[in-house]
């Protein structure tokens, strides 16, 4: 019964999002390329608060991932005897190895965080396969993730002291300070727009190709007798093949790239020499970030 409940926890949030989309999507004809639907608008003093499809779908994905994690880890034993426990252990081992290989031994405990980033990003992009709006196609979502990563980067950059970080902005010569400051801000901006742009462009291209094939099918095959002339036969097959790249491959690849950029930017932000110098003054042992 617990397993059935966890399976329902994975499926029901996505089904609820599909129902909401059907109820709120206005009727229309032809190709329609639009952003996320707005479900609720809440009046506020500065600006109205919008509950959009991006937010609802993001929460649905997170609940589904939570259900998947609980399902894979339900009934764990000392020795794996079930296939789902083997899958869970494989995911944990691969996540930890990926983090150690790219960030070093000091960040060994970052495995769950990086796995969460990849899982949330990948599933947020893949829900377009069931007709839902991908939260990663909304720059507000990817920008929120990038801002979180930016705070983590700055947290580790300040490990060497604020004054050490401030002096670094004026290296190699003081005239480079504005460029270095822009470079700090450019990191989250580039991460957000890279992820958002690739997912949105794939969705737009897929919609345009599907619309073009529908029009071409009506022009070439519209003279067929009966119902055959109304079926967009040329649209059968090709959009599905293109979806493998634009939706599946691109979505998974962008999730991996975002996670890799997170690891490299955070690990590369730590001023090890300055941090160890501060720890030495406080009679604390030095930290060595050795790779696995």
Protein backbone atom coordinates (compact mmCIF):
# COMPACT_ATOMS: atom_id res chain seq x y z
CA UNK A 1 0.00 0.00 0.00
CA UNK A 2 2.89 2.36 0.73
CA UNK A 3 4.35 1.68 -2.72
CA UNK A 4 1.02 2.37 -4.38
CA UNK A 5 0.74 5.62 -2.43
CA UNK A 6 4.23 6.69 -3.52
CA UNK A 7 3.47 5.84 -7.15
CA UNK A 8 0.33 7.98 -6.89
CA UNK A 9 2.49 10.74 -5.43
CA UNK A 10 4.62 10.63 -8.58
CA UNK A 11 1.73 10.61 -11.05
CA UNK A 12 -1.12 12.66 -9.53
CA UNK A 13 0.68 16.05 -9.44
CA UNK A 14 1.42 15.81 -13.18
CA UNK A 15 -2.17 14.77 -13.92
CA UNK A 16 -3.42 17.73 -11.88
CA UNK A 17 -1.24 20.08 -13.94
CA UNK A 18 -2.66 18.59 -17.15
CA UNK A 19 -6.22 19.19 -15.90
CA UNK A 20 -5.37 22.79 -14.98
CA UNK A 21 -3.85 23.41 -18.39
CA UNK A 22 -6.93 22.05 -20.17
CA UNK A 23 -9.26 24.20 -18.04
CA UNK A 24 -7.29 27.46 -18.40
CA UNK A 25 -6.03 27.21 -22.00
CA UNK A 26 -8.15 29.46 -24.25
CA UNK A 27 -9.50 28.04 -27.49
CA UNK A 28 -7.48 28.92 -30.59
CA UNK A 29 -6.50 27.77 -34.02
CA UNK A 30 -3.15 27.39 -35.71
CA UNK A 31 0.27 27.61 -34.10
CA UNK A 32 0.38 29.34 -30.73
CA UNK A 33 3.64 30.19 -29.03
CA UNK A 34 3.10 31.81 -25.65
CA UNK A 35 4.58 31.85 -22.20
CA UNK A 36 3.25 30.23 -19.06
CA UNK A 37 -0.45 30.52 -18.30
CA UNK A 38 -1.41 32.72 -15.34
CA UNK A 39 -3.76 30.86 -13.01
CA UNK A 40 -4.20 33.39 -10.21
CA UNK A 41 -3.42 37.10 -9.87
CA UNK A 42 -3.17 38.35 -6.29
CA UNK A 43 -3.28 42.14 -5.73
CA UNK A 44 -0.25 43.50 -3.84
CA UNK A 45 0.97 47.02 -2.88
CA UNK A 46 4.04 47.19 -5.15
CA UNK A 47 3.03 44.83 -7.93
CA UNK A 48 0.52 42.04 -8.32
CA UNK A 49 1.59 38.50 -7.45
CA UNK A 50 1.05 36.00 -10.25
CA UNK A 51 0.67 32.27 -9.73
CA UNK A 52 1.67 30.95 -13.11
CA UNK A 53 1.99 27.62 -14.85
CA UNK A 54 5.75 27.71 -14.26
CA UNK A 55 5.37 27.80 -10.48
CA UNK A 56 2.63 25.17 -10.35
CA UNK A 57 4.52 22.81 -12.67
CA UNK A 58 7.74 23.32 -10.69
CA UNK A 59 6.02 22.27 -7.48
CA UNK A 60 4.42 19.31 -9.24
CA UNK A 61 7.84 18.18 -10.49
CA UNK A 62 9.35 18.54 -7.01
CA UNK A 63 6.54 16.52 -5.43
CA UNK A 64 6.89 13.84 -8.12
CA UNK A 65 10.67 13.66 -7.60
CA UNK A 66 10.12 13.37 -3.84
CA UNK A 67 7.71 10.50 -4.45
CA UNK A 68 10.25 8.83 -6.75
CA UNK A 69 13.02 9.15 -4.15
CA UNK A 70 10.80 7.75 -1.40
CA UNK A 71 9.75 4.89 -3.67
CA UNK A 72 13.33 3.97 -4.58
CA UNK A 73 14.46 4.06 -0.94
CA UNK A 74 11.43 2.35 0.60
CA UNK A 75 12.31 -0.94 2.28
CA UNK A 76 16.10 -0.60 2.10
CA UNK A 77 18.17 -3.54 3.31
CA UNK A 78 21.86 -3.97 4.15
CA UNK A 79 22.32 -5.93 0.94
CA UNK A 80 20.44 -4.83 -2.13
CA UNK A 81 17.90 -7.48 -3.12
CA UNK A 82 15.48 -5.37 -5.14
CA UNK A 83 15.96 -3.64 -8.47
CA UNK A 84 14.83 -0.25 -7.18
CA UNK A 85 17.41 -0.34 -4.37
CA UNK A 86 20.09 -1.13 -6.95
CA UNK A 87 18.92 1.86 -8.99
CA UNK A 88 18.97 4.08 -5.89
CA UNK A 89 22.49 2.97 -4.95
CA UNK A 90 23.70 3.47 -8.53
CA UNK A 91 22.31 7.03 -8.60
CA UNK A 92 23.98 7.85 -5.27
CA UNK A 93 27.33 6.42 -6.34
CA UNK A 94 27.32 8.24 -9.69
CA UNK A 95 26.35 11.55 -8.07
CA UNK A 96 29.08 11.29 -5.45
CA UNK A 97 31.69 10.31 -8.05
CA UNK A 98 30.68 13.19 -10.32
CA UNK A 99 31.06 15.66 -7.46
CA UNK A 100 34.41 14.30 -6.27
CA UNK A 101 35.86 14.23 -9.77
CA UNK A 102 34.84 17.83 -10.53
CA UNK A 103 34.92 19.57 -7.14
CA UNK A 104 37.40 17.61 -5.05
CA UNK A 105 37.20 15.76 -1.76
CA UNK A 106 36.27 18.86 0.27
CA UNK A 107 32.90 19.02 -1.52
CA UNK A 108 32.19 15.28 -1.25
CA UNK A 109 28.91 15.92 0.60
CA UNK A 110 27.52 17.98 -2.28
CA UNK A 111 26.26 14.86 -4.08
CA UNK A 112 22.59 15.23 -3.02
CA UNK A 113 22.53 18.92 -3.97
CA UNK A 114 23.98 18.35 -7.45
CA UNK A 115 21.71 15.35 -8.00
CA UNK A 116 18.72 17.51 -6.99
CA UNK A 117 19.73 20.20 -9.49
CA UNK A 118 20.05 17.71 -12.33
CA UNK A 119 16.84 15.89 -11.44
CA UNK A 120 14.76 19.05 -11.07
CA UNK A 121 16.13 20.56 -14.27
CA UNK A 122 15.77 17.40 -16.36
CA UNK A 123 12.23 16.56 -15.23
CA UNK A 124 11.14 20.20 -15.54
CA UNK A 125 12.19 20.09 -19.19
CA UNK A 126 10.81 16.61 -19.91
CA UNK A 127 7.25 17.33 -18.77
CA UNK A 128 6.71 19.00 -22.13
CA UNK A 129 6.41 15.45 -23.48
CA UNK A 130 2.97 15.24 -21.86
CA UNK A 131 1.91 18.64 -23.18
CA UNK A 132 2.81 20.75 -20.15
CA UNK A 133 4.78 23.98 -20.12
CA UNK A 134 8.40 23.39 -19.12
CA UNK A 135 9.36 25.56 -16.13
CA UNK A 136 12.87 25.74 -17.58
CA UNK A 137 11.31 27.61 -20.51
CA UNK A 138 10.60 30.50 -18.12
CA UNK A 139 13.61 32.73 -17.45
CA UNK A 140 12.25 33.56 -13.97
CA UNK A 141 12.71 29.93 -12.92
CA UNK A 142 16.22 29.49 -14.30
CA UNK A 143 17.22 32.90 -12.94
CA UNK A 144 16.08 31.82 -9.48
CA UNK A 145 18.31 28.76 -9.69
CA UNK A 146 21.22 30.86 -10.97
CA UNK A 147 20.84 33.37 -8.12
CA UNK A 148 21.02 30.50 -5.60
CA UNK A 149 24.23 29.28 -7.24
CA UNK A 150 25.57 32.86 -7.25
CA UNK A 151 25.07 33.13 -3.47
CA UNK A 152 26.93 29.85 -3.01
CA UNK A 153 29.78 31.11 -5.19
CA UNK A 154 30.05 34.35 -3.21
CA UNK A 155 29.88 32.46 0.09
CA UNK A 156 33.00 30.49 -0.80
CA UNK A 157 34.77 33.49 -2.34
CA UNK A 158 34.44 35.26 1.01
CA UNK A 159 36.14 32.33 2.78
CA UNK A 160 39.42 34.14 2.21
CA UNK A 161 38.05 37.33 3.77
CA UNK A 162 36.09 40.23 2.36
CA UNK A 163 39.19 42.42 2.03
CA UNK A 164 40.98 39.70 0.06
CA UNK A 165 37.98 39.45 -2.28
CA UNK A 166 37.78 43.23 -2.67
CA UNK A 167 41.47 43.45 -3.58
CA UNK A 168 40.98 40.69 -6.15
CA UNK A 169 38.57 42.92 -8.08
CA UNK A 170 41.48 45.29 -8.85
CA UNK A 171 43.80 42.64 -10.25
CA UNK A 172 45.87 42.51 -12.37
CA UNK A 173 45.60 46.31 -12.53
CA UNK A 174 43.00 48.68 -10.97
CA UNK A 175 41.55 49.68 -14.34
CA UNK A 176 40.13 46.14 -14.67
CA UNK A 177 37.90 46.54 -11.58
CA UNK A 178 34.70 47.41 -13.52
CA UNK A 179 35.26 44.47 -15.88
CA UNK A 180 35.88 42.10 -12.98
CA UNK A 181 32.71 43.31 -11.28
CA UNK A 182 30.69 42.78 -14.48
CA UNK A 183 32.24 39.31 -14.71
CA UNK A 184 30.90 38.46 -11.25
CA UNK A 185 27.38 39.51 -12.25
CA UNK A 186 27.64 37.82 -15.63
CA UNK A 187 28.00 34.36 -14.10
CA UNK A 188 24.37 33.90 -12.91
CA UNK A 189 23.03 35.81 -15.93
CA UNK A 190 24.80 33.55 -18.42
CA UNK A 191 23.78 30.38 -16.55
CA UNK A 192 20.13 31.45 -16.47
CA UNK A 193 19.86 32.56 -20.09
CA UNK A 194 21.83 29.59 -21.44
CA UNK A 195 19.46 27.10 -19.84
CA UNK A 196 16.31 29.08 -20.61
CA UNK A 197 17.31 29.90 -24.20
CA UNK A 198 18.09 26.33 -25.19
CA UNK A 199 14.86 24.91 -23.79
CA UNK A 200 12.66 27.70 -25.17
CA UNK A 201 14.25 27.59 -28.62
CA UNK A 202 13.65 23.85 -28.85
CA UNK A 203 9.98 24.30 -27.95
CA UNK A 204 9.55 27.10 -30.50
CA UNK A 205 11.25 25.15 -33.28
CA UNK A 206 9.16 22.05 -32.57
CA UNK A 207 5.93 24.11 -32.64
CA UNK A 208 6.88 25.83 -35.91
CA UNK A 209 7.83 22.57 -37.61
CA UNK A 210 4.59 20.93 -36.48
CA UNK A 211 2.54 23.84 -37.79
CA UNK A 212 4.42 23.86 -41.09
CA UNK A 213 3.89 20.12 -41.58
CA UNK A 214 0.18 20.54 -40.84
CA UNK A 215 -0.18 23.24 -43.48
CA UNK A 216 1.86 21.25 -45.98
CA UNK A 217 -0.26 18.18 -45.36
CA UNK A 218 -3.46 20.12 -46.03
CA UNK A 219 -2.02 21.57 -49.24
CA UNK A 220 -0.72 18.30 -50.66
CA UNK A 221 -3.12 15.74 -49.23
CA UNK A 222 -6.24 17.81 -48.61
CA UNK A 223 -7.83 16.47 -51.81
CA UNK A 224 -7.92 12.90 -50.46
CA UNK A 225 -11.47 11.55 -50.06
CA UNK A 226 -13.29 11.45 -46.75
CA UNK A 227 -11.57 11.88 -43.44
CA UNK A 228 -8.14 11.21 -44.94
CA UNK A 229 -7.98 14.76 -46.25
CA UNK A 230 -8.44 16.17 -42.72
CA UNK A 231 -5.69 14.10 -41.10
CA UNK A 232 -2.25 15.83 -41.11
CA UNK A 233 -0.47 12.72 -42.36
CA UNK A 234 2.84 14.51 -42.94
CA UNK A 235 2.93 15.42 -39.27
CA UNK A 236 3.07 11.76 -38.27
CA UNK A 237 6.56 10.60 -37.31
CA UNK A 238 8.87 13.54 -37.98
CA UNK A 239 7.85 15.71 -34.97
CA UNK A 240 8.35 12.70 -32.71
CA UNK A 241 11.86 12.15 -34.08
CA UNK A 242 12.71 15.84 -33.65
CA UNK A 243 11.30 15.73 -30.13
CA UNK A 244 13.95 13.16 -29.20
CA UNK A 245 16.56 15.86 -29.73
CA UNK A 246 14.78 19.12 -28.87
CA UNK A 247 12.90 17.80 -25.83
CA UNK A 248 14.66 14.71 -24.50
CA UNK A 249 18.35 15.07 -25.42
CA UNK A 250 18.46 18.85 -25.09
CA UNK A 251 16.59 18.85 -21.78
CA UNK A 252 18.84 16.23 -20.20
CA UNK A 253 21.99 17.83 -21.64
CA UNK A 254 21.08 21.28 -20.32
CA UNK A 255 20.45 19.79 -16.87
CA UNK A 256 23.92 18.22 -16.94
CA UNK A 257 25.53 21.46 -18.17
CA UNK A 258 23.84 23.55 -15.46
CA UNK A 259 25.02 21.09 -12.80
CA UNK A 260 28.57 21.09 -14.23
CA UNK A 261 28.69 24.90 -14.27
CA UNK A 262 27.48 24.92 -10.68
CA UNK A 263 30.21 22.53 -9.58
CA UNK A 264 33.02 24.25 -11.49
CA UNK A 265 32.03 27.78 -10.47
CA UNK A 266 31.63 26.91 -6.79
CA UNK A 267 34.80 24.80 -6.57
CA UNK A 268 36.79 27.39 -8.51
CA UNK A 269 35.59 30.24 -6.28
CA UNK A 270 37.39 29.08 -3.13
CA UNK A 271 40.63 31.06 -2.42
CA UNK A 272 42.42 28.14 -0.79
CA UNK A 273 45.66 29.99 0.03
CA UNK A 274 43.91 32.96 1.63
CA UNK A 275 41.47 30.71 3.49
CA UNK A 276 44.24 28.51 4.89
CA UNK A 277 46.17 31.63 5.89
CA UNK A 278 43.17 32.83 7.90
CA UNK A 279 42.76 29.39 9.47
CA UNK A 280 46.44 29.31 10.39
CA UNK A 281 46.09 32.61 12.27
CA UNK A 282 43.25 31.05 14.25
CA UNK A 283 45.30 27.89 14.96
CA UNK A 284 43.05 25.75 12.81
CA UNK A 285 44.29 22.95 10.52
CA UNK A 286 44.69 23.65 6.82
CA UNK A 287 42.11 22.36 4.35
CA UNK A 288 43.25 20.31 1.39
CA UNK A 289 40.81 19.90 -1.47
CA UNK A 290 42.15 16.65 -2.89
CA UNK A 291 40.43 15.03 -5.88
CA UNK A 292 39.02 11.53 -5.53
